Amino acid sequence: MNSSYNAEKSFIPRRHNWLKREPLPRGNTVLVEDLPEDYRSDQKAKEYFDTLIFNRPVVKQAAVVKKTSELNYSIRRLRRIEDSITEAKAKNVDYRELERQREAVANLVKEQQLSLLKSDTKNLSTAFVEFASR
């Protein structure tokens, strides 16, 4: 246990020095995992650190990571359709149906993006927290 303690003791000052050299916002942003379920929104994560952890305003902003698997699937689908359009054009083949599909999937992507921005239902337990100062 002594070697673990000594390693941590020497690591902390090196980490602090490294963070001081980093440009902002990188130098004052941390990735936090396992946020309590009641604090899994941008505003609630900020409140969690400002009130429960530090008991004073210290967070500039917090951004909770979202579950984006559905959006990622739609984006991949859109790219495949766009690739098919490019191939159809190169082969001088009618691609009007592909264009209709592309438009429908592009609209779906926009809807999914807006839904993620407006809702906290897809929030995960991880957040990027940017502190107001180092």
N, C-alpha and C. Protein backbone atom coordinates (compact mmCIF):
# COMPACT_ATOMS: atom_id res chain seq x y z
N MET A 1 0.83 -1.20 0.00
CA MET A 1 0.00 0.00 0.00
C MET A 1 0.87 1.25 0.00
N ASN A 2 2.01 1.17 0.61
CA ASN A 2 2.90 2.31 0.69
C ASN A 2 3.33 2.78 -0.70
N SER A 3 3.61 1.82 -1.62
CA SER A 3 4.04 2.21 -2.96
C SER A 3 2.90 2.89 -3.72
N SER A 4 1.66 2.45 -3.53
CA SER A 4 0.51 3.10 -4.16
C SER A 4 0.36 4.52 -3.65
N TYR A 5 0.50 4.68 -2.36
CA TYR A 5 0.39 6.01 -1.75
C TYR A 5 1.48 6.93 -2.29
N ASN A 6 2.71 6.44 -2.36
CA ASN A 6 3.82 7.25 -2.85
C ASN A 6 3.63 7.60 -4.32
N ALA A 7 3.13 6.65 -5.10
CA ALA A 7 2.89 6.92 -6.52
C ALA A 7 1.83 8.01 -6.69
N GLU A 8 0.74 7.91 -5.93
CA GLU A 8 -0.30 8.93 -6.02
C GLU A 8 0.23 10.28 -5.54
N LYS A 9 0.99 10.26 -4.47
CA LYS A 9 1.54 11.50 -3.90
C LYS A 9 2.43 12.22 -4.92
N SER A 10 3.19 11.48 -5.69
CA SER A 10 4.05 12.13 -6.70
C SER A 10 3.27 12.48 -7.96
N PHE A 11 2.18 11.76 -8.22
CA PHE A 11 1.39 12.00 -9.43
C PHE A 11 0.60 13.31 -9.34
N ILE A 12 0.01 13.58 -8.20
CA ILE A 12 -0.88 14.74 -8.05
C ILE A 12 -0.18 16.05 -8.42
N PRO A 13 1.01 16.36 -7.91
CA PRO A 13 1.67 17.61 -8.32
C PRO A 13 1.98 17.66 -9.82
N ARG A 14 2.38 16.51 -10.38
CA ARG A 14 2.65 16.49 -11.83
C ARG A 14 1.38 16.77 -12.62
N ARG A 15 0.27 16.19 -12.19
CA ARG A 15 -1.01 16.44 -12.87
C ARG A 15 -1.41 17.90 -12.77
N HIS A 16 -1.27 18.50 -11.60
CA HIS A 16 -1.60 19.92 -11.42
C HIS A 16 -0.75 20.79 -12.33
N ASN A 17 0.54 20.50 -12.41
CA ASN A 17 1.43 21.29 -13.29
C ASN A 17 1.05 21.12 -14.75
N TRP A 18 0.72 19.90 -15.13
CA TRP A 18 0.31 19.65 -16.51
C TRP A 18 -0.97 20.42 -16.84
N LEU A 19 -1.95 20.39 -15.94
CA LEU A 19 -3.20 21.11 -16.19
C LEU A 19 -2.98 22.62 -16.28
N LYS A 20 -2.09 23.17 -15.50
CA LYS A 20 -1.80 24.60 -15.55
C LYS A 20 -1.22 25.01 -16.90
N ARG A 21 -0.51 24.10 -17.54
CA ARG A 21 0.10 24.40 -18.85
C ARG A 21 -0.89 24.23 -20.00
N GLU A 22 -1.96 23.51 -19.77
CA GLU A 22 -2.94 23.25 -20.83
C GLU A 22 -3.75 24.52 -21.13
N PRO A 23 -4.06 24.76 -22.41
CA PRO A 23 -4.92 25.91 -22.75
C PRO A 23 -6.34 25.68 -22.25
N LEU A 24 -7.06 26.77 -22.09
CA LEU A 24 -8.47 26.69 -21.70
C LEU A 24 -9.29 26.39 -22.95
N PRO A 25 -10.35 25.65 -22.87
CA PRO A 25 -10.98 25.09 -21.69
C PRO A 25 -10.41 23.74 -21.26
N ARG A 26 -9.47 23.18 -22.02
CA ARG A 26 -8.93 21.86 -21.69
C ARG A 26 -8.34 21.82 -20.29
N GLY A 27 -7.69 22.88 -19.87
CA GLY A 27 -7.01 22.91 -18.59
C GLY A 27 -7.93 23.00 -17.39
N ASN A 28 -9.19 23.28 -17.61
CA ASN A 28 -10.12 23.37 -16.47
C ASN A 28 -11.40 22.57 -16.70
N THR A 29 -11.31 21.54 -17.56
CA THR A 29 -12.44 20.67 -17.84
C THR A 29 -12.09 19.24 -17.45
N VAL A 30 -13.02 18.60 -16.79
CA VAL A 30 -12.81 17.20 -16.41
C VAL A 30 -13.99 16.35 -16.90
N LEU A 31 -13.72 15.08 -17.10
CA LEU A 31 -14.75 14.11 -17.43
C LEU A 31 -15.17 13.45 -16.12
N VAL A 32 -16.45 13.54 -15.83
CA VAL A 32 -16.99 12.98 -14.59
C VAL A 32 -17.86 11.78 -14.96
N GLU A 33 -17.69 10.70 -14.24
CA GLU A 33 -18.49 9.51 -14.47
C GLU A 33 -19.34 9.21 -13.25
N ASP A 34 -20.39 8.44 -13.45
CA ASP A 34 -21.28 8.00 -12.38
C ASP A 34 -22.00 9.15 -11.68
N LEU A 35 -22.48 10.10 -12.47
CA LEU A 35 -23.32 11.15 -11.88
C LEU A 35 -24.56 10.50 -11.27
N PRO A 36 -24.98 10.96 -10.12
CA PRO A 36 -26.24 10.44 -9.56
C PRO A 36 -27.39 10.68 -10.54
N GLU A 37 -28.33 9.78 -10.56
CA GLU A 37 -29.42 9.82 -11.54
C GLU A 37 -30.18 11.15 -11.53
N ASP A 38 -30.37 11.74 -10.37
CA ASP A 38 -31.12 13.00 -10.26
C ASP A 38 -30.35 14.21 -10.81
N TYR A 39 -29.08 14.03 -11.18
CA TYR A 39 -28.25 15.15 -11.64
C TYR A 39 -27.75 14.93 -13.06
N ARG A 40 -28.49 14.21 -13.86
CA ARG A 40 -28.07 13.88 -15.22
C ARG A 40 -28.69 14.80 -16.27
N SER A 41 -28.56 16.08 -16.04
CA SER A 41 -28.86 17.10 -17.05
C SER A 41 -27.76 18.14 -16.92
N ASP A 42 -27.59 18.96 -17.95
CA ASP A 42 -26.52 19.96 -17.90
C ASP A 42 -26.67 20.86 -16.69
N GLN A 43 -27.86 21.38 -16.48
CA GLN A 43 -28.10 22.30 -15.36
C GLN A 43 -27.96 21.59 -14.01
N LYS A 44 -28.52 20.40 -13.91
CA LYS A 44 -28.46 19.66 -12.64
C LYS A 44 -27.02 19.24 -12.30
N ALA A 45 -26.24 18.88 -13.31
CA ALA A 45 -24.83 18.53 -13.07
C ALA A 45 -24.07 19.74 -12.54
N LYS A 46 -24.34 20.90 -13.11
CA LYS A 46 -23.71 22.14 -12.64
C LYS A 46 -24.11 22.40 -11.18
N GLU A 47 -25.39 22.27 -10.89
CA GLU A 47 -25.88 22.48 -9.52
C GLU A 47 -25.24 21.48 -8.55
N TYR A 48 -25.07 20.25 -9.00
CA TYR A 48 -24.48 19.21 -8.16
C TYR A 48 -23.10 19.65 -7.65
N PHE A 49 -22.28 20.13 -8.56
CA PHE A 49 -20.93 20.54 -8.14
C PHE A 49 -20.93 21.86 -7.39
N ASP A 50 -21.74 22.81 -7.85
CA ASP A 50 -21.77 24.12 -7.20
C ASP A 50 -22.33 24.05 -5.78
N THR A 51 -23.36 23.25 -5.57
CA THR A 51 -24.02 23.26 -4.26
C THR A 51 -23.64 22.09 -3.37
N LEU A 52 -23.64 20.89 -3.90
CA LEU A 52 -23.39 19.72 -3.06
C LEU A 52 -21.91 19.42 -2.85
N ILE A 53 -21.11 19.64 -3.84
CA ILE A 53 -19.69 19.28 -3.73
C ILE A 53 -18.85 20.44 -3.19
N PHE A 54 -18.97 21.62 -3.81
CA PHE A 54 -18.10 22.75 -3.43
C PHE A 54 -18.78 23.80 -2.57
N ASN A 55 -20.10 23.78 -2.52
CA ASN A 55 -20.87 24.73 -1.72
C ASN A 55 -20.62 26.19 -2.11
N ARG A 56 -20.29 26.39 -3.37
CA ARG A 56 -20.12 27.73 -3.94
C ARG A 56 -20.08 27.58 -5.45
N PRO A 57 -20.36 28.65 -6.18
CA PRO A 57 -20.35 28.55 -7.65
C PRO A 57 -18.93 28.36 -8.19
N VAL A 58 -18.67 27.23 -8.79
CA VAL A 58 -17.34 26.95 -9.35
C VAL A 58 -17.41 26.47 -10.80
N VAL A 59 -18.58 26.04 -11.26
CA VAL A 59 -18.71 25.45 -12.59
C VAL A 59 -19.14 26.50 -13.60
N LYS A 60 -18.38 26.60 -14.68
CA LYS A 60 -18.76 27.49 -15.78
C LYS A 60 -19.89 26.86 -16.59
N GLN A 61 -19.71 25.57 -16.93
CA GLN A 61 -20.75 24.84 -17.66
C GLN A 61 -20.53 23.35 -17.52
N ALA A 62 -21.61 22.62 -17.68
CA ALA A 62 -21.55 21.16 -17.66
C ALA A 62 -22.33 20.64 -18.86
N ALA A 63 -21.82 19.58 -19.45
CA ALA A 63 -22.48 18.97 -20.60
C ALA A 63 -22.55 17.46 -20.37
N VAL A 64 -23.76 16.97 -20.15
CA VAL A 64 -23.96 15.55 -19.92
C VAL A 64 -23.94 14.83 -21.27
N VAL A 65 -23.25 13.72 -21.31
CA VAL A 65 -23.14 12.92 -22.52
C VAL A 65 -24.48 12.25 -22.81
N LYS A 66 -24.86 12.23 -24.08
CA LYS A 66 -26.14 11.66 -24.50
C LYS A 66 -25.93 10.29 -25.17
N LYS A 67 -26.93 9.44 -25.06
CA LYS A 67 -26.93 8.18 -25.79
C LYS A 67 -27.37 8.47 -27.21
N THR A 68 -26.48 8.27 -28.16
CA THR A 68 -26.73 8.68 -29.54
C THR A 68 -26.75 7.51 -30.53
N SER A 69 -26.96 6.31 -30.04
CA SER A 69 -26.89 5.15 -30.93
C SER A 69 -27.90 5.23 -32.08
N GLU A 70 -29.12 5.68 -31.81
CA GLU A 70 -30.12 5.80 -32.88
C GLU A 70 -29.70 6.85 -33.90
N LEU A 71 -29.21 7.97 -33.42
CA LEU A 71 -28.73 9.02 -34.32
C LEU A 71 -27.55 8.52 -35.15
N ASN A 72 -26.62 7.84 -34.52
CA ASN A 72 -25.46 7.30 -35.25
C ASN A 72 -25.89 6.34 -36.35
N TYR A 73 -26.88 5.50 -36.04
CA TYR A 73 -27.40 4.58 -37.05
C TYR A 73 -27.99 5.35 -38.23
N SER A 74 -28.76 6.38 -37.95
CA SER A 74 -29.39 7.17 -39.02
C SER A 74 -28.33 7.89 -39.86
N ILE A 75 -27.30 8.38 -39.22
CA ILE A 75 -26.23 9.06 -39.97
C ILE A 75 -25.50 8.08 -40.88
N ARG A 76 -25.23 6.89 -40.38
CA ARG A 76 -24.59 5.87 -41.23
C ARG A 76 -25.50 5.51 -42.40
N ARG A 77 -26.79 5.40 -42.13
CA ARG A 77 -27.76 5.10 -43.19
C ARG A 77 -27.76 6.20 -44.25
N LEU A 78 -27.73 7.46 -43.79
CA LEU A 78 -27.70 8.59 -44.71
C LEU A 78 -26.44 8.55 -45.57
N ARG A 79 -25.31 8.24 -44.98
CA ARG A 79 -24.06 8.16 -45.75
C ARG A 79 -24.10 7.05 -46.80
N ARG A 80 -24.71 5.92 -46.43
CA ARG A 80 -24.83 4.82 -47.41
C ARG A 80 -25.70 5.25 -48.59
N ILE A 81 -26.77 5.95 -48.32
CA ILE A 81 -27.65 6.43 -49.40
C ILE A 81 -26.89 7.43 -50.27
N GLU A 82 -26.15 8.33 -49.65
CA GLU A 82 -25.37 9.30 -50.42
C GLU A 82 -24.31 8.62 -51.28
N ASP A 83 -23.69 7.57 -50.74
CA ASP A 83 -22.73 6.80 -51.55
C ASP A 83 -23.43 6.14 -52.73
N SER A 84 -24.63 5.64 -52.51
CA SER A 84 -25.40 5.00 -53.59
C SER A 84 -25.77 6.02 -54.66
N ILE A 85 -26.10 7.24 -54.24
CA ILE A 85 -26.41 8.31 -55.21
C ILE A 85 -25.19 8.61 -56.06
N THR A 86 -24.03 8.71 -55.41
CA THR A 86 -22.78 8.98 -56.14
C THR A 86 -22.51 7.87 -57.16
N GLU A 87 -22.70 6.62 -56.75
CA GLU A 87 -22.50 5.50 -57.67
C GLU A 87 -23.50 5.54 -58.82
N ALA A 88 -24.75 5.85 -58.50
CA ALA A 88 -25.79 5.90 -59.54
C ALA A 88 -25.48 7.00 -60.56
N LYS A 89 -25.01 8.14 -60.07
CA LYS A 89 -24.65 9.23 -60.99
C LYS A 89 -23.50 8.82 -61.89
N ALA A 90 -22.51 8.14 -61.31
CA ALA A 90 -21.35 7.71 -62.09
C ALA A 90 -21.75 6.70 -63.16
N LYS A 91 -22.77 5.89 -62.87
CA LYS A 91 -23.23 4.88 -63.82
C LYS A 91 -24.34 5.40 -64.72
N ASN A 92 -24.67 6.70 -64.52
CA ASN A 92 -25.72 7.34 -65.30
C ASN A 92 -27.05 6.60 -65.17
N VAL A 93 -27.40 6.25 -63.89
CA VAL A 93 -28.62 5.52 -63.57
C VAL A 93 -29.56 6.48 -62.83
N ASP A 94 -30.85 6.26 -63.00
CA ASP A 94 -31.85 7.10 -62.32
C ASP A 94 -31.70 6.96 -60.80
N TYR A 95 -31.59 8.08 -60.13
CA TYR A 95 -31.37 8.06 -58.67
C TYR A 95 -32.43 8.88 -57.93
N ARG A 96 -33.56 9.16 -58.59
CA ARG A 96 -34.60 9.97 -57.94
C ARG A 96 -35.14 9.32 -56.66
N GLU A 97 -35.33 8.01 -56.67
CA GLU A 97 -35.82 7.33 -55.46
C GLU A 97 -34.79 7.43 -54.34
N LEU A 98 -33.53 7.33 -54.67
CA LEU A 98 -32.46 7.49 -53.67
C LEU A 98 -32.46 8.91 -53.10
N GLU A 99 -32.74 9.88 -53.96
CA GLU A 99 -32.82 11.28 -53.48
C GLU A 99 -33.97 11.43 -52.49
N ARG A 100 -35.11 10.81 -52.77
CA ARG A 100 -36.24 10.86 -51.84
C ARG A 100 -35.88 10.20 -50.50
N GLN A 101 -35.20 9.06 -50.59
CA GLN A 101 -34.76 8.39 -49.37
C GLN A 101 -33.77 9.26 -48.59
N ARG A 102 -32.85 9.89 -49.33
CA ARG A 102 -31.86 10.75 -48.68
C ARG A 102 -32.55 11.89 -47.94
N GLU A 103 -33.53 12.51 -48.56
CA GLU A 103 -34.25 13.61 -47.93
C GLU A 103 -35.00 13.14 -46.67
N ALA A 104 -35.63 11.98 -46.76
CA ALA A 104 -36.37 11.46 -45.60
C ALA A 104 -35.42 11.14 -44.44
N VAL A 105 -34.31 10.52 -44.74
CA VAL A 105 -33.36 10.17 -43.67
C VAL A 105 -32.67 11.43 -43.13
N ALA A 106 -32.38 12.39 -44.00
CA ALA A 106 -31.79 13.66 -43.53
C ALA A 106 -32.74 14.37 -42.56
N ASN A 107 -34.03 14.34 -42.88
CA ASN A 107 -35.02 14.93 -41.97
C ASN A 107 -35.08 14.17 -40.64
N LEU A 108 -34.98 12.86 -40.71
CA LEU A 108 -34.96 12.05 -39.50
C LEU A 108 -33.75 12.40 -38.63
N VAL A 109 -32.60 12.57 -39.25
CA VAL A 109 -31.38 12.94 -38.52
C VAL A 109 -31.60 14.28 -37.80
N LYS A 110 -32.17 15.25 -38.49
CA LYS A 110 -32.44 16.56 -37.87
C LYS A 110 -33.39 16.42 -36.69
N GLU A 111 -34.44 15.63 -36.87
CA GLU A 111 -35.40 15.41 -35.78
C GLU A 111 -34.73 14.75 -34.57
N GLN A 112 -33.90 13.76 -34.83
CA GLN A 112 -33.22 13.08 -33.74
C GLN A 112 -32.24 14.02 -33.02
N GLN A 113 -31.55 14.86 -33.78
CA GLN A 113 -30.64 15.82 -33.16
C GLN A 113 -31.40 16.79 -32.26
N LEU A 114 -32.51 17.33 -32.75
CA LEU A 114 -33.32 18.25 -31.95
C LEU A 114 -33.87 17.56 -30.71
N SER A 115 -34.33 16.33 -30.88
CA SER A 115 -34.87 15.59 -29.75
C SER A 115 -33.81 15.39 -28.67
N LEU A 116 -32.60 15.07 -29.06
CA LEU A 116 -31.51 14.90 -28.09
C LEU A 116 -31.21 16.20 -27.35
N LEU A 117 -31.26 17.31 -28.07
CA LEU A 117 -30.96 18.60 -27.45
C LEU A 117 -32.05 19.03 -26.46
N LYS A 118 -33.29 18.71 -26.78
CA LYS A 118 -34.42 19.18 -25.97
C LYS A 118 -34.75 18.27 -24.79
N SER A 119 -34.30 17.03 -24.83
CA SER A 119 -34.75 16.06 -23.83
C SER A 119 -33.58 15.54 -23.00
N ASP A 120 -33.87 15.19 -21.76
CA ASP A 120 -32.87 14.58 -20.89
C ASP A 120 -33.05 13.07 -20.79
N THR A 121 -33.98 12.50 -21.56
CA THR A 121 -34.26 11.07 -21.44
C THR A 121 -33.13 10.20 -21.97
N LYS A 122 -32.26 10.74 -22.81
CA LYS A 122 -31.14 9.98 -23.37
C LYS A 122 -29.81 10.33 -22.68
N ASN A 123 -29.89 11.05 -21.56
CA ASN A 123 -28.66 11.43 -20.86
C ASN A 123 -28.04 10.23 -20.17
N LEU A 124 -26.72 10.18 -20.21
CA LEU A 124 -25.97 9.11 -19.55
C LEU A 124 -25.44 9.61 -18.21
N SER A 125 -24.65 8.81 -17.54
CA SER A 125 -24.13 9.18 -16.22
C SER A 125 -22.77 9.86 -16.30
N THR A 126 -22.37 10.28 -17.48
CA THR A 126 -21.07 10.90 -17.72
C THR A 126 -21.28 12.35 -18.17
N ALA A 127 -20.39 13.23 -17.73
CA ALA A 127 -20.49 14.64 -18.13
C ALA A 127 -19.11 15.26 -18.24
N PHE A 128 -19.01 16.27 -19.10
CA PHE A 128 -17.83 17.12 -19.15
C PHE A 128 -18.16 18.35 -18.31
N VAL A 129 -17.33 18.64 -17.34
CA VAL A 129 -17.57 19.77 -16.43
C VAL A 129 -16.41 20.74 -16.59
N GLU A 130 -16.76 21.97 -17.01
CA GLU A 130 -15.76 23.02 -17.16
C GLU A 130 -15.87 23.96 -15.96
N PHE A 131 -14.78 24.10 -15.24
CA PHE A 131 -14.77 24.95 -14.06
C PHE A 131 -14.44 26.39 -14.46
N ALA A 132 -14.94 27.33 -13.68
CA ALA A 132 -14.77 28.75 -13.97
C ALA A 132 -13.31 29.17 -13.86
N SER A 133 -12.56 28.53 -13.00
CA SER A 133 -11.13 28.82 -12.86
C SER A 133 -10.40 27.53 -12.58
N ARG A 134 -9.10 27.63 -12.62
CA ARG A 134 -8.29 26.44 -12.36
C ARG A 134 -8.18 26.26 -10.89
